[in-house]
Amino acid sequence: KGLVIPRCVKRNTTTAQASVPTSQQAAVWLVLLISSAACADDSEAVVAARDSVNAWLELIDTSQFSESLGRASPVLQNAITDKSWNRSLRGSRSPLGAVQSRKLLGAKFSEDLPGVPQGDYVIFGFASVFENQDNIIETVTAKKDADGIWRVAGYFIR
């Protein structure tokens, strides 16, 4: 399927600019995630982030795409417009149909990810089966925002 989030925030020394992540970059992240986290980390941060991710995925699963962006981290909100987010998810996620199952492959805590501001992040990998396609990998990145709440900062589907 490819990437669902068409842009991510990339910092340089003077301004924030949007760049388009490639399928290759997403594949590299997925390999790193799975190889470095064979099972979910049970740390408090991962548990709190997972609760937030699960609630957010319910919005995606029920096609509440604008609501999902509204409840996302500012990192994601500032990287894409609501119109582009909806168009991207309608084109990539909706054709898959209803989610049948979603199994956590792993979770990895990180404070430094490329292309986004430093902070507390947890990257989750899920093996998902949908009504119209199985063997789908969903990668969801959660960020602990300034208010202490974990919110989704990235979503990739492959």
Protein backbone atom coordinates (compact mmCIF):
# COMPACT_ATOMS: atom_id res chain seq x y z
CA LYS A 1 0.00 0.00 0.00
CA GLY A 2 2.63 2.59 0.89
CA LEU A 3 2.75 5.52 3.21
CA VAL A 4 -0.37 7.08 4.59
CA ILE A 5 1.23 10.17 6.06
CA PRO A 6 2.51 12.06 3.04
CA ARG A 7 4.69 14.54 4.90
CA CYS A 8 6.68 14.77 8.10
CA VAL A 9 8.26 17.73 9.83
CA LYS A 10 11.96 18.08 9.16
CA ARG A 11 14.05 20.59 11.08
CA ASN A 12 17.00 22.56 9.81
CA THR A 13 18.89 25.39 11.45
CA THR A 14 16.52 28.14 10.37
CA THR A 15 13.02 26.86 9.63
CA ALA A 16 10.76 23.83 9.72
CA GLN A 17 10.06 22.36 6.29
CA ALA A 18 7.96 19.46 5.08
CA SER A 19 9.52 16.56 3.25
CA VAL A 20 8.04 13.44 1.73
CA PRO A 21 9.22 10.21 3.36
CA THR A 22 9.90 7.42 0.91
CA SER A 23 8.66 3.85 1.05
CA GLN A 24 12.28 2.85 1.54
CA GLN A 25 12.56 5.06 4.64
CA ALA A 26 9.38 3.52 6.05
CA ALA A 27 10.69 0.02 5.37
CA VAL A 28 13.97 0.84 7.14
CA TRP A 29 12.08 2.13 10.17
CA LEU A 30 9.93 -0.97 10.27
CA VAL A 31 12.97 -3.26 10.12
CA LEU A 32 14.65 -1.27 12.89
CA LEU A 33 11.49 -1.40 14.98
CA ILE A 34 10.98 -5.13 14.65
CA SER A 35 14.66 -6.04 15.03
CA SER A 36 15.11 -3.88 18.12
CA ALA A 37 11.83 -4.78 19.81
CA ALA A 38 10.89 -8.43 19.42
CA CYS A 39 8.24 -7.97 22.08
CA ALA A 40 6.57 -4.94 23.59
CA ASP A 41 8.46 -3.01 26.24
CA ASP A 42 6.39 -2.98 29.44
CA SER A 43 7.68 0.38 30.61
CA GLU A 44 5.21 2.91 31.93
CA ALA A 45 5.79 5.15 28.91
CA VAL A 46 4.99 2.39 26.44
CA VAL A 47 1.84 1.38 28.31
CA ALA A 48 0.58 4.98 28.44
CA ALA A 49 1.44 5.55 24.79
CA ARG A 50 -0.25 2.31 23.75
CA ASP A 51 -3.52 3.32 25.41
CA SER A 52 -3.45 6.55 23.41
CA VAL A 53 -2.55 4.73 20.18
CA ASN A 54 -5.36 2.19 20.64
CA ALA A 55 -7.94 4.95 21.12
CA TRP A 56 -6.59 6.80 18.08
CA LEU A 57 -6.64 3.68 15.90
CA GLU A 58 -10.33 3.24 16.76
CA LEU A 59 -10.93 6.62 15.10
CA ILE A 60 -9.07 5.47 11.98
CA ASP A 61 -10.91 2.13 12.02
CA THR A 62 -14.27 3.93 12.03
CA SER A 63 -13.23 6.38 9.28
CA GLN A 64 -13.21 9.37 11.64
CA PHE A 65 -10.20 10.79 9.84
CA SER A 66 -10.67 14.49 10.70
CA GLU A 67 -11.22 13.58 14.35
CA SER A 68 -8.05 11.46 14.29
CA LEU A 69 -6.03 14.42 13.05
CA GLY A 70 -7.67 16.67 15.64
CA ARG A 71 -6.57 14.30 18.41
CA ALA A 72 -3.06 13.82 17.00
CA SER A 73 0.13 15.45 18.19
CA PRO A 74 0.92 18.93 16.87
CA VAL A 75 3.85 17.24 15.08
CA LEU A 76 1.34 15.49 12.81
CA GLN A 77 -1.18 18.34 12.73
CA ASN A 78 1.49 20.77 11.52
CA ALA A 79 2.74 18.36 8.86
CA ILE A 80 -0.50 17.90 6.89
CA THR A 81 -3.80 19.62 6.23
CA ASP A 82 -7.09 18.03 7.17
CA LYS A 83 -8.05 17.82 3.50
CA SER A 84 -4.80 16.02 2.57
CA TRP A 85 -5.06 13.73 5.59
CA ASN A 86 -8.59 12.69 4.65
CA ARG A 87 -7.69 12.20 1.00
CA SER A 88 -4.66 10.11 1.90
CA LEU A 89 -6.52 7.86 4.33
CA ARG A 90 -9.54 7.46 2.04
CA GLY A 91 -7.17 6.34 -0.71
CA SER A 92 -4.94 4.07 1.38
CA ARG A 93 -6.86 2.86 4.41
CA SER A 94 -10.54 2.81 3.39
CA PRO A 95 -10.09 0.28 0.53
CA LEU A 96 -8.73 -2.26 3.04
CA GLY A 97 -12.14 -2.55 4.69
CA ALA A 98 -12.83 -3.26 8.33
CA VAL A 99 -9.99 -4.32 10.59
CA GLN A 100 -10.29 -8.02 11.46
CA SER A 101 -7.30 -8.28 13.78
CA ARG A 102 -4.31 -6.25 14.90
CA LYS A 103 -1.37 -7.84 16.71
CA LEU A 104 1.39 -5.86 18.36
CA LEU A 105 4.75 -6.83 16.88
CA GLY A 106 6.82 -4.57 19.07
CA ALA A 107 7.24 -1.18 20.70
CA LYS A 108 10.38 0.91 20.91
CA PHE A 109 10.98 4.00 23.04
CA SER A 110 13.17 6.73 21.54
CA GLU A 111 14.05 10.32 22.33
CA ASP A 112 15.59 11.13 18.96
CA LEU A 113 13.95 10.28 15.64
CA PRO A 114 15.02 11.69 12.29
CA GLY A 115 12.93 14.49 10.84
CA VAL A 116 11.00 15.39 13.99
CA PRO A 117 11.73 17.48 17.09
CA GLN A 118 13.50 15.72 19.96
CA GLY A 119 11.18 14.35 22.63
CA ASP A 120 9.73 11.17 24.04
CA TYR A 121 8.44 8.83 21.30
CA VAL A 122 7.23 5.25 21.17
CA ILE A 123 7.10 3.49 17.81
CA PHE A 124 4.60 0.63 17.58
CA GLY A 125 4.50 -2.01 14.88
CA PHE A 126 1.29 -3.97 14.29
CA ALA A 127 0.57 -6.95 12.04
CA SER A 128 -2.96 -6.28 10.86
CA VAL A 129 -5.58 -8.18 8.91
CA PHE A 130 -8.32 -6.28 7.13
CA GLU A 131 -11.51 -7.37 5.45
CA ASN A 132 -10.05 -6.92 1.96
CA GLN A 133 -6.37 -7.61 2.63
CA ASP A 134 -4.21 -9.39 5.14
CA ASN A 135 -0.49 -9.15 5.90
CA ILE A 136 -0.58 -5.40 6.47
CA ILE A 137 1.99 -3.70 8.69
CA GLU A 138 0.86 -0.58 10.52
CA THR A 139 3.48 1.60 12.18
CA VAL A 140 2.19 4.18 14.64
CA THR A 141 4.46 6.67 16.36
CA ALA A 142 3.27 8.29 19.58
CA LYS A 143 4.82 11.42 21.09
CA LYS A 144 4.56 12.70 24.63
CA ASP A 145 3.48 16.28 24.07
CA ALA A 146 4.34 19.29 26.26
CA ASP A 147 1.17 18.76 28.32
CA GLY A 148 2.33 15.23 29.24
CA ILE A 149 -0.27 13.49 27.06
CA TRP A 150 0.75 10.84 24.53
CA ARG A 151 -0.62 11.53 21.05
CA VAL A 152 -0.06 9.99 17.64
CA ALA A 153 2.64 11.80 15.65
CA GLY A 154 2.87 9.44 12.67
CA TYR A 155 0.98 6.66 10.93
CA PHE A 156 2.31 4.44 8.16
CA ILE A 157 0.59 1.52 6.53
CA ARG A 158 2.31 -1.00 4.28
